[in-house]
PDB file of N, CA and C in Angstrom:
ATOM      1  N   MET A   1     205.301 -54.274  -0.141  1.00  0.00           N
ATOM      2  CA  MET A   1     206.306 -53.127   0.035  1.00  0.00           C
ATOM      3  C   MET A   1     207.468 -53.456   0.692  1.00  0.00           C
ATOM      4  N   GLU A   2     208.417 -52.703   0.247  1.00  0.00           N
ATOM      5  CA  GLU A   2     209.732 -53.060   1.078  1.00  0.00           C
ATOM      6  C   GLU A   2     209.865 -52.448   2.231  1.00  0.00           C
ATOM      7  N   HIS A   3     210.705 -53.158   3.139  1.00  0.00           N
ATOM      8  CA  HIS A   3     210.882 -52.733   4.419  1.00  0.00           C
ATOM      9  C   HIS A   3     211.265 -51.367   4.852  1.00  0.00           C
ATOM     10  N   SER A   4     212.078 -50.751   4.028  1.00  0.00           N
ATOM     11  CA  SER A   4     212.438 -49.531   3.960  1.00  0.00           C
ATOM     12  C   SER A   4     211.401 -48.404   3.784  1.00  0.00           C
ATOM     13  N   GLN A   5     210.188 -48.626   3.288  1.00  0.00           N
ATOM     14  CA  GLN A   5     209.000 -47.788   3.438  1.00  0.00           C
ATOM     15  C   GLN A   5     208.184 -47.770   4.519  1.00  0.00           C
ATOM     16  N   LEU A   6     208.571 -48.812   5.427  1.00  0.00           N
ATOM     17  CA  LEU A   6     207.966 -49.146   6.458  1.00  0.00           C
ATOM     18  C   LEU A   6     208.651 -48.721   7.637  1.00  0.00           C
ATOM     19  N   SER A   7     209.785 -48.036   7.508  1.00  0.00           N
ATOM     20  CA  SER A   7     210.619 -47.559   8.511  1.00  0.00           C
ATOM     21  C   SER A   7     210.187 -46.071   8.986  1.00  0.00           C
ATOM     22  N   GLU A   8     210.944 -45.875   9.604  1.00  0.00           N
ATOM     23  CA  GLU A   8     210.367 -44.372  10.551  1.00  0.00           C
ATOM     24  C   GLU A   8     210.541 -43.672   9.291  1.00  0.00           C
ATOM     25  N   PRO A   9     210.031 -42.371   9.613  1.00  0.00           N
ATOM     26  CA  PRO A   9     209.871 -41.389   8.805  1.00  0.00           C
ATOM     27  C   PRO A   9     211.199 -40.829   8.446  1.00  0.00           C
ATOM     28  N   SER A  10     211.418 -40.247   7.037  1.00  0.00           N
ATOM     29  CA  SER A  10     212.558 -39.606   6.783  1.00  0.00           C
ATOM     30  C   SER A  10     213.046 -38.200   7.996  1.00  0.00           C
ATOM     31  N   GLU A  11     214.416 -38.081   8.238  1.00  0.00           N
ATOM     32  CA  GLU A  11     214.807 -37.078   9.028  1.00  0.00           C
ATOM     33  C   GLU A  11     214.462 -35.666   8.141  1.00  0.00           C
ATOM     34  N   PRO A  12     214.096 -34.538   8.835  1.00  0.00           N
ATOM     35  CA  PRO A  12     213.706 -33.232   8.266  1.00  0.00           C
ATOM     36  C   PRO A  12     215.043 -32.602   7.515  1.00  0.00           C
ATOM     37  N   SER A  13     214.911 -32.126   6.425  1.00  0.00           N
ATOM     38  CA  SER A  13     215.731 -31.804   5.412  1.00  0.00           C
ATOM     39  C   SER A  13     216.363 -30.514   6.081  1.00  0.00           C
ATOM     40  N   LEU A  14     217.594 -30.141   5.750  1.00  0.00           N
ATOM     41  CA  LEU A  14     218.396 -29.262   6.337  1.00  0.00           C
ATOM     42  C   LEU A  14     217.793 -27.707   6.326  1.00  0.00           C
ATOM     43  N   GLY A  15     217.319 -27.470   5.054  1.00  0.00           N
ATOM     44  CA  GLY A  15     216.368 -26.328   5.051  1.00  0.00           C
ATOM     45  C   GLY A  15     215.290 -26.320   5.992  1.00  0.00           C
ATOM     46  N   LEU A  16     214.491 -27.213   6.186  1.00  0.00           N
ATOM     47  CA  LEU A  16     213.697 -27.174   7.402  1.00  0.00           C
ATOM     48  C   LEU A  16     214.295 -26.854   8.884  1.00  0.00           C
ATOM     49  N   LYS A  17     215.286 -27.674   9.301  1.00  0.00           N
ATOM     50  CA  LYS A  17     216.104 -27.144  10.339  1.00  0.00           C
ATOM     51  C   LYS A  17     216.542 -25.882  10.394  1.00  0.00           C
ATOM     52  N   ILE A  18     217.052 -25.294   9.454  1.00  0.00           N
ATOM     53  CA  ILE A  18     217.533 -23.976   9.688  1.00  0.00           C
ATOM     54  C   ILE A  18     216.656 -22.931   9.827  1.00  0.00           C
ATOM     55  N   GLY A  19     215.577 -23.336   8.745  1.00  0.00           N
ATOM     56  CA  GLY A  19     214.262 -22.559   8.922  1.00  0.00           C
ATOM     57  C   GLY A  19     213.602 -22.741  10.430  1.00  0.00           C
ATOM     58  N   THR A  20     213.616 -23.509  10.527  1.00  0.00           N
ATOM     59  CA  THR A  20     212.700 -23.688  11.918  1.00  0.00           C
ATOM     60  C   THR A  20     213.724 -22.835  13.146  1.00  0.00           C
ATOM     61  N   VAL A  21     214.976 -23.196  12.987  1.00  0.00           N
ATOM     62  CA  VAL A  21     215.693 -22.725  14.194  1.00  0.00           C
ATOM     63  C   VAL A  21     215.382 -20.946  13.957  1.00  0.00           C
ATOM     64  N   ALA A  22     215.582 -20.515  12.704  1.00  0.00           N
ATOM     65  CA  ALA A  22     215.425 -18.888  12.508  1.00  0.00           C
ATOM     66  C   ALA A  22     214.101 -18.298  12.838  1.00  0.00           C
ATOM     67  N   ALA A  23     213.026 -19.306  12.622  1.00  0.00           N
ATOM     68  CA  ALA A  23     211.970 -18.875  12.698  1.00  0.00           C
ATOM     69  C   ALA A  23     211.492 -18.828  14.411  1.00  0.00           C
ATOM     70  N   THR A  24     212.226 -19.735  14.771  1.00  0.00           N
ATOM     71  CA  THR A  24     211.849 -19.687  16.257  1.00  0.00           C
ATOM     72  C   THR A  24     212.356 -18.550  17.090  1.00  0.00           C
ATOM     73  N   PHE A  25     213.841 -18.336  16.649  1.00  0.00           N
ATOM     74  CA  PHE A  25     214.584 -17.166  17.320  1.00  0.00           C
ATOM     75  C   PHE A  25     213.832 -16.010  17.145  1.00  0.00           C
ATOM     76  N   ALA A  26     213.103 -16.075  15.905  1.00  0.00           N
ATOM     77  CA  ALA A  26     212.502 -14.604  15.511  1.00  0.00           C
ATOM     78  C   ALA A  26     210.876 -14.599  16.249  1.00  0.00           C
ATOM     79  N   ALA A  27     210.495 -15.436  16.210  1.00  0.00           N
ATOM     80  CA  ALA A  27     209.226 -15.739  16.900  1.00  0.00           C
ATOM     81  C   ALA A  27     209.381 -15.266  18.481  1.00  0.00           C
ATOM     82  N   GLY A  28     210.379 -16.065  19.026  1.00  0.00           N
ATOM     83  CA  GLY A  28     210.838 -15.682  20.487  1.00  0.00           C
ATOM     84  C   GLY A  28     210.987 -14.408  20.722  1.00  0.00           C
ATOM     85  N   TRP A  29     211.789 -13.583  19.830  1.00  0.00           N
ATOM     86  CA  TRP A  29     212.273 -12.212  20.167  1.00  0.00           C
ATOM     87  C   TRP A  29     210.874 -11.440  20.168  1.00  0.00           C
ATOM     88  N   VAL A  30     209.980 -11.766  18.795  1.00  0.00           N
ATOM     89  CA  VAL A  30     208.706 -10.751  18.815  1.00  0.00           C
ATOM     90  C   VAL A  30     207.888 -11.063  20.349  1.00  0.00           C
ATOM     91  N   ALA A  31     207.844 -12.371  20.716  1.00  0.00           N
ATOM     92  CA  ALA A  31     206.955 -13.052  21.654  1.00  0.00           C
ATOM     93  C   ALA A  31     207.532 -11.932  23.023  1.00  0.00           C
ATOM     94  N   GLN A  32     208.597 -12.128  22.944  1.00  0.00           N
ATOM     95  CA  GLN A  32     209.307 -11.485  24.303  1.00  0.00           C
ATOM     96  C   GLN A  32     209.114  -9.844  24.343  1.00  0.00           C
ATOM     97  N   LYS A  33     208.993  -9.457  23.165  1.00  0.00           N
ATOM     98  CA  LYS A  33     209.025  -7.984  23.124  1.00  0.00           C
ATOM     99  C   LYS A  33     207.272  -7.903  23.519  1.00  0.00           C
ATOM    100  N   LEU A  34     206.565  -8.709  22.720  1.00  0.00           N
ATOM    101  CA  LEU A  34     204.899  -8.235  22.976  1.00  0.00           C
ATOM    102  C   LEU A  34     204.549  -8.530  24.195  1.00  0.00           C
ATOM    103  N   ILE A  35     205.001  -9.602  25.147  1.00  0.00           N
ATOM    104  CA  ILE A  35     204.846  -9.915  26.384  1.00  0.00           C
ATOM    105  C   ILE A  35     205.260  -8.618  27.307  1.00  0.00           C
ATOM    106  N   LYS A  36     206.367  -7.998  26.992  1.00  0.00           N
ATOM    107  CA  LYS A  36     206.870  -6.840  27.991  1.00  0.00           C
ATOM    108  C   LYS A  36     205.896  -5.773  27.831  1.00  0.00           C
ATOM    109  N   VAL A  37     205.364  -5.366  26.534  1.00  0.00           N
ATOM    110  CA  VAL A  37     204.527  -4.468  26.049  1.00  0.00           C
ATOM    111  C   VAL A  37     203.270  -4.682  26.746  1.00  0.00           C
ATOM    112  N   ILE A  38     202.484  -5.930  26.747  1.00  0.00           N
ATOM    113  CA  ILE A  38     201.477  -6.075  27.338  1.00  0.00           C
ATOM    114  C   ILE A  38     201.468  -6.174  28.904  1.00  0.00           C
ATOM    115  N   TRP A  39     202.588  -6.679  29.289  1.00  0.00           N
ATOM    116  CA  TRP A  39     202.667  -6.610  30.650  1.00  0.00           C
ATOM    117  C   TRP A  39     202.523  -5.228  31.400  1.00  0.00           C
ATOM    118  N   GLU A  40     203.345  -4.716  30.635  1.00  0.00           N
ATOM    119  CA  GLU A  40     203.715  -3.171  31.442  1.00  0.00           C
ATOM    120  C   GLU A  40     202.143  -2.174  31.044  1.00  0.00           C
ATOM    121  N   LYS A  41     201.463  -2.489  29.978  1.00  0.00           N
ATOM    122  CA  LYS A  41     200.206  -1.874  29.583  1.00  0.00           C
ATOM    123  C   LYS A  41     198.956  -2.455  30.753  1.00  0.00           C
ATOM    124  N   ALA A  42     199.168  -3.933  31.190  1.00  0.00           N
ATOM    125  CA  ALA A  42     198.332  -4.482  32.031  1.00  0.00           C
ATOM    126  C   ALA A  42     198.543  -4.190  33.369  1.00  0.00           C
ATOM    127  N   THR A  43     199.728  -3.947  34.031  1.00  0.00           N
ATOM    128  CA  THR A  43     200.070  -3.866  35.317  1.00  0.00           C
ATOM    129  C   THR A  43     200.429  -2.594  35.657  1.00  0.00           C
ATOM    130  N   GLY A  44     200.781  -1.747  34.782  1.00  0.00           N
ATOM    131  CA  GLY A  44     201.195  -0.479  35.031  1.00  0.00           C
ATOM    132  C   GLY A  44     202.831  -0.245  35.769  1.00  0.00           C
ATOM    133  N   SER A  45     203.423  -1.360  35.725  1.00  0.00           N
ATOM    134  CA  SER A  45     204.824  -1.457  36.108  1.00  0.00           C
ATOM    135  C   SER A  45     205.702  -2.188  35.078  1.00  0.00           C
ATOM    136  N   ASP A  46     206.975  -2.282  34.914  1.00  0.00           N
ATOM    137  CA  ASP A  46     207.980  -2.845  34.156  1.00  0.00           C
ATOM    138  C   ASP A  46     207.624  -4.151  34.289  1.00  0.00           C
ATOM    139  N   ALA A  47     208.044  -4.736  33.140  1.00  0.00           N
ATOM    140  CA  ALA A  47     208.225  -6.433  33.299  1.00  0.00           C
ATOM    141  C   ALA A  47     209.030  -6.842  34.135  1.00  0.00           C
ATOM    142  N   PRO A  48     209.000  -7.756  34.718  1.00  0.00           N
ATOM    143  CA  PRO A  48     209.952  -8.373  35.698  1.00  0.00           C
ATOM    144  C   PRO A  48     211.294  -8.914  34.969  1.00  0.00           C
ATOM    145  N   ILE A  49     212.451  -8.554  35.580  1.00  0.00           N
ATOM    146  CA  ILE A  49     213.820  -9.026  34.713  1.00  0.00           C
ATOM    147  C   ILE A  49     214.133 -10.283  35.584  1.00  0.00           C
ATOM    148  N   ASP A  50     214.431  -9.620  36.931  1.00  0.00           N
ATOM    149  CA  ASP A  50     214.692 -10.895  37.719  1.00  0.00           C
ATOM    150  C   ASP A  50     213.669 -11.278  38.697  1.00  0.00           C
ATOM    151  N   LEU A  51     213.320 -12.644  38.425  1.00  0.00           N
ATOM    152  CA  LEU A  51     211.813 -13.370  38.971  1.00  0.00           C
ATOM    153  C   LEU A  51     212.422 -13.776  40.402  1.00  0.00           C
ATOM    154  N   ASP A  52     213.750 -13.762  40.816  1.00  0.00           N
ATOM    155  CA  ASP A  52     214.205 -14.296  41.929  1.00  0.00           C
ATOM    156  C   ASP A  52     214.221 -12.869  42.992  1.00  0.00           C
ATOM    157  N   ALA A  53     214.334 -12.064  42.424  1.00  0.00           N
ATOM    158  CA  ALA A  53     214.128 -10.577  43.228  1.00  0.00           C
ATOM    159  C   ALA A  53     213.318 -10.564  44.113  1.00  0.00           C
ATOM    160  N   ASP A  54     213.846 -10.229  45.354  1.00  0.00           N
ATOM    161  CA  ASP A  54     213.165 -10.060  46.570  1.00  0.00           C
ATOM    162  C   ASP A  54     211.809  -9.140  46.621  1.00  0.00           C
ATOM    163  N   ASP A  55     211.914  -8.160  45.616  1.00  0.00           N
ATOM    164  CA  ASP A  55     210.975  -7.013  45.708  1.00  0.00           C
ATOM    165  C   ASP A  55     209.949  -7.293  44.890  1.00  0.00           C
ATOM    166  N   ILE A  56     209.809  -8.430  43.851  1.00  0.00           N
ATOM    167  CA  ILE A  56     208.776  -8.757  43.161  1.00  0.00           C
ATOM    168  C   ILE A  56     207.947  -9.581  43.961  1.00  0.00           C
ATOM    169  N   PRO A  57     206.716  -9.502  44.272  1.00  0.00           N
ATOM    170  CA  PRO A  57     205.693 -10.367  44.738  1.00  0.00           C
ATOM    171  C   PRO A  57     205.601 -11.913  44.127  1.00  0.00           C
ATOM    172  N   ILE A  58     205.587 -12.750  45.271  1.00  0.00           N
ATOM    173  CA  ILE A  58     205.693 -14.068  44.189  1.00  0.00           C
ATOM    174  C   ILE A  58     204.417 -14.156  43.394  1.00  0.00           C
ATOM    175  N   VAL A  59     203.296 -13.930  43.908  1.00  0.00           N
ATOM    176  CA  VAL A  59     202.184 -13.974  42.752  1.00  0.00           C
ATOM    177  C   VAL A  59     202.794 -13.471  41.474  1.00  0.00           C
ATOM    178  N   GLN A  60     202.945 -12.243  41.529  1.00  0.00           N
ATOM    179  CA  GLN A  60     203.450 -11.598  40.343  1.00  0.00           C
ATOM    180  C   GLN A  60     204.570 -12.294  39.466  1.00  0.00           C
ATOM    181  N   ALA A  61     205.491 -12.968  40.216  1.00  0.00           N
ATOM    182  CA  ALA A  61     206.827 -13.878  39.597  1.00  0.00           C
ATOM    183  C   ALA A  61     206.138 -14.901  38.593  1.00  0.00           C
ATOM    184  N   ILE A  62     205.197 -15.489  39.337  1.00  0.00           N
ATOM    185  CA  ILE A  62     204.586 -16.961  39.083  1.00  0.00           C
ATOM    186  C   ILE A  62     203.814 -16.426  37.878  1.00  0.00           C
ATOM    187  N   THR A  63     203.074 -15.583  37.925  1.00  0.00           N
ATOM    188  CA  THR A  63     202.214 -15.201  36.741  1.00  0.00           C
ATOM    189  C   THR A  63     202.923 -14.712  35.575  1.00  0.00           C
ATOM    190  N   PHE A  64     204.099 -13.915  35.614  1.00  0.00           N
ATOM    191  CA  PHE A  64     204.667 -13.523  34.620  1.00  0.00           C
ATOM    192  C   PHE A  64     205.500 -14.945  34.057  1.00  0.00           C
ATOM    193  N   ALA A  65     205.993 -15.781  34.772  1.00  0.00           N
ATOM    194  CA  ALA A  65     206.659 -16.805  34.477  1.00  0.00           C
ATOM    195  C   ALA A  65     205.601 -17.734  33.767  1.00  0.00           C
ATOM    196  N   ALA A  66     204.358 -17.793  34.152  1.00  0.00           N
ATOM    197  CA  ALA A  66     203.452 -18.819  33.348  1.00  0.00           C
ATOM    198  C   ALA A  66     203.049 -18.385  31.897  1.00  0.00           C
ATOM    199  N   VAL A  67     202.951 -16.887  31.822  1.00  0.00           N
ATOM    200  CA  VAL A  67     202.436 -16.368  30.524  1.00  0.00           C
ATOM    201  C   VAL A  67     203.745 -16.326  29.610  1.00  0.00           C
ATOM    202  N   THR A  68     205.044 -16.224  30.177  1.00  0.00           N
ATOM    203  CA  THR A  68     206.255 -16.032  29.368  1.00  0.00           C
ATOM    204  C   THR A  68     206.242 -17.759  28.581  1.00  0.00           C
ATOM    205  N   GLY A  69     206.204 -18.641  29.687  1.00  0.00           N
ATOM    206  CA  GLY A  69     206.499 -19.984  29.169  1.00  0.00           C
ATOM    207  C   GLY A  69     205.304 -20.130  28.072  1.00  0.00           C
ATOM    208  N   GLY A  70     204.102 -19.809  28.515  1.00  0.00           N
ATOM    209  CA  GLY A  70     202.902 -20.216  27.398  1.00  0.00           C
ATOM    210  C   GLY A  70     203.061 -19.544  26.122  1.00  0.00           C
ATOM    211  N   VAL A  71     203.303 -18.396  26.091  1.00  0.00           N
ATOM    212  CA  VAL A  71     203.683 -17.675  24.936  1.00  0.00           C
ATOM    213  C   VAL A  71     204.933 -18.283  24.253  1.00  0.00           C
ATOM    214  N   ALA A  72     205.696 -18.664  24.961  1.00  0.00           N
ATOM    215  CA  ALA A  72     207.140 -19.085  24.166  1.00  0.00           C
ATOM    216  C   ALA A  72     206.923 -20.489  23.497  1.00  0.00           C
ATOM    217  N   VAL A  73     206.046 -21.387  24.401  1.00  0.00           N
ATOM    218  CA  VAL A  73     205.711 -22.495  23.490  1.00  0.00           C
ATOM    219  C   VAL A  73     204.712 -22.262  22.555  1.00  0.00           C
ATOM    220  N   LEU A  74     203.743 -21.433  22.611  1.00  0.00           N
ATOM    221  CA  LEU A  74     202.980 -21.156  21.344  1.00  0.00           C
ATOM    222  C   LEU A  74     204.169 -20.384  20.368  1.00  0.00           C
ATOM    223  N   ALA A  75     204.576 -19.425  20.489  1.00  0.00           N
ATOM    224  CA  ALA A  75     205.662 -19.265  19.468  1.00  0.00           C
ATOM    225  C   ALA A  75     206.371 -20.205  18.821  1.00  0.00           C
ATOM    226  N   ARG A  76     207.023 -20.890  19.602  1.00  0.00           N
ATOM    227  CA  ARG A  76     207.875 -22.201  19.015  1.00  0.00           C
ATOM    228  C   ARG A  76     206.906 -23.077  17.697  1.00  0.00           C
ATOM    229  N   ARG A  77     205.910 -23.233  18.305  1.00  0.00           N
ATOM    230  CA  ARG A  77     204.632 -24.244  17.588  1.00  0.00           C
ATOM    231  C   ARG A  77     204.284 -23.635  16.340  1.00  0.00           C
ATOM    232  N   LEU A  78     203.947 -22.324  16.195  1.00  0.00           N
ATOM    233  CA  LEU A  78     203.486 -21.573  15.252  1.00  0.00           C
ATOM    234  C   LEU A  78     204.769 -21.414  14.539  1.00  0.00           C
ATOM    235  N   ALA A  79     206.025 -21.039  14.750  1.00  0.00           N
ATOM    236  CA  ALA A  79     207.009 -21.019  13.815  1.00  0.00           C
ATOM    237  C   ALA A  79     207.499 -22.109  13.406  1.00  0.00           C
ATOM    238  N   ARG A  80     207.527 -23.282  13.755  1.00  0.00           N
ATOM    239  CA  ARG A  80     207.634 -24.638  13.449  1.00  0.00           C
ATOM    240  C   ARG A  80     206.611 -25.043  12.265  1.00  0.00           C
ATOM    241  N   GLN A  81     205.632 -24.994  12.488  1.00  0.00           N
ATOM    242  CA  GLN A  81     204.303 -25.016  11.660  1.00  0.00           C
ATOM    243  C   GLN A  81     204.400 -24.425  10.487  1.00  0.00           C
ATOM    244  N   GLY A  82     204.806 -23.128  10.573  1.00  0.00           N
ATOM    245  CA  GLY A  82     204.645 -22.298   9.649  1.00  0.00           C
ATOM    246  C   GLY A  82     205.928 -22.530   8.346  1.00  0.00           C
ATOM    247  N   VAL A  83     207.293 -22.931   9.215  1.00  0.00           N
ATOM    248  CA  VAL A  83     208.568 -23.286   8.225  1.00  0.00           C
ATOM    249  C   VAL A  83     207.866 -24.652   7.693  1.00  0.00           C
ATOM    250  N   THR A  84     207.567 -25.602   8.373  1.00  0.00           N
ATOM    251  CA  THR A  84     206.838 -26.645   7.722  1.00  0.00           C
ATOM    252  C   THR A  84     206.265 -26.580   6.235  1.00  0.00           C
ATOM    253  N   LYS A  85     205.057 -25.851   6.671  1.00  0.00           N
ATOM    254  CA  LYS A  85     204.234 -25.451   5.457  1.00  0.00           C
ATOM    255  C   LYS A  85     204.904 -24.629   4.420  1.00  0.00           C
ATOM    256  N   ALA A  86     205.766 -23.882   4.564  1.00  0.00           N
ATOM    257  CA  ALA A  86     206.618 -23.190   3.391  1.00  0.00           C
ATOM    258  C   ALA A  86     207.598 -24.464   2.796  1.00  0.00           C
ATOM    259  N   VAL A  87     208.063 -24.892   3.735  1.00  0.00           N
ATOM    260  CA  VAL A  87     209.033 -26.081   3.039  1.00  0.00           C
ATOM    261  C   VAL A  87     208.170 -27.085   1.876  1.00  0.00           C
ATOM    262  N   ASP A  88     207.009 -27.460   2.798  1.00  0.00           N
ATOM    263  CA  ASP A  88     206.337 -28.601   1.983  1.00  0.00           C
ATOM    264  C   ASP A  88     205.888 -27.722   0.423  1.00  0.00           C
ATOM    265  N   LYS A  89     205.297 -26.435   0.851  1.00  0.00           N
ATOM    266  CA  LYS A  89     204.779 -25.738  -0.284  1.00  0.00           C
ATOM    267  C   LYS A  89     206.113 -25.532  -1.639  1.00  0.00           C
ATOM    268  N   ARG A  90     207.035 -25.391  -0.985  1.00  0.00           N
ATOM    269  CA  ARG A  90     208.153 -25.278  -1.902  1.00  0.00           C
ATOM    270  C   ARG A  90     208.851 -26.671  -2.621  1.00  0.00           C
ATOM    271  N   ALA A  91     208.458 -27.479  -1.782  1.00  0.00           N
ATOM    272  CA  ALA A  91     208.969 -28.738  -2.140  1.00  0.00           C
ATOM    273  C   ALA A  91     207.842 -29.245  -3.370  1.00  0.00           C
ATOM    274  N   LYS A  92     206.592 -28.806  -3.285  1.00  0.00           N
ATOM    275  CA  LYS A  92     205.826 -29.381  -4.091  1.00  0.00           C
ATOM    276  C   LYS A  92     205.797 -28.656  -5.385  1.00  0.00           C
ATOM    277  N   HIS A  93     206.120 -27.125  -5.082  1.00  0.00           N
ATOM    278  CA  HIS A  93     206.251 -26.356  -6.488  1.00  0.00           C
ATOM    279  C   HIS A  93     207.667 -27.045  -7.461  1.00  0.00           C
ATOM    280  N   VAL A  94     208.566 -27.609  -6.506  1.00  0.00           N
ATOM    281  CA  VAL A  94     209.789 -27.648  -7.020  1.00  0.00           C
ATOM    282  C   VAL A  94     209.509 -28.692  -8.001  1.00  0.00           C
ATOM    283  N   SER A  95     208.965 -30.035  -7.336  1.00  0.00           N
ATOM    284  CA  SER A  95     208.762 -31.297  -7.822  1.00  0.00           C
ATOM    285  C   SER A  95     207.949 -31.299  -9.268  1.00  0.00           C
ATOM    286  N   VAL A  96     207.275 -30.369  -9.214  1.00  0.00           N
ATOM    287  CA  VAL A  96     206.115 -29.922 -10.350  1.00  0.00           C
ATOM    288  C   VAL A  96     206.809 -29.344 -11.370  1.00  0.00           C
ATOM    289  N   VAL A  97     207.689 -28.638 -11.310  1.00  0.00           N
ATOM    290  CA  VAL A  97     208.538 -27.943 -12.059  1.00  0.00           C
ATOM    291  C   VAL A  97     209.494 -28.595 -12.839  1.00  0.00           C
TER     292      VAL A  97
END
């Protein structure tokens, strides 16, 4: 085998990069709206906007930050995986044709 075949994996395509960015923004927006609705239904109060505000209890601020962070990571990963699968599927379809 040639050395070039053993080198690092190729860089992601431009389509994959653009798709990942777009899907990540969309997933983040949807996740943010979903968190707000679920938080308001579960707690009966508005979702915190400024977690540093003195009128928000520390436990509530920490809980909201943890939930928001976890959902953000999940949304980014699912978006990236979805775009990768779509690009791979398209690449296979194009290479067959």
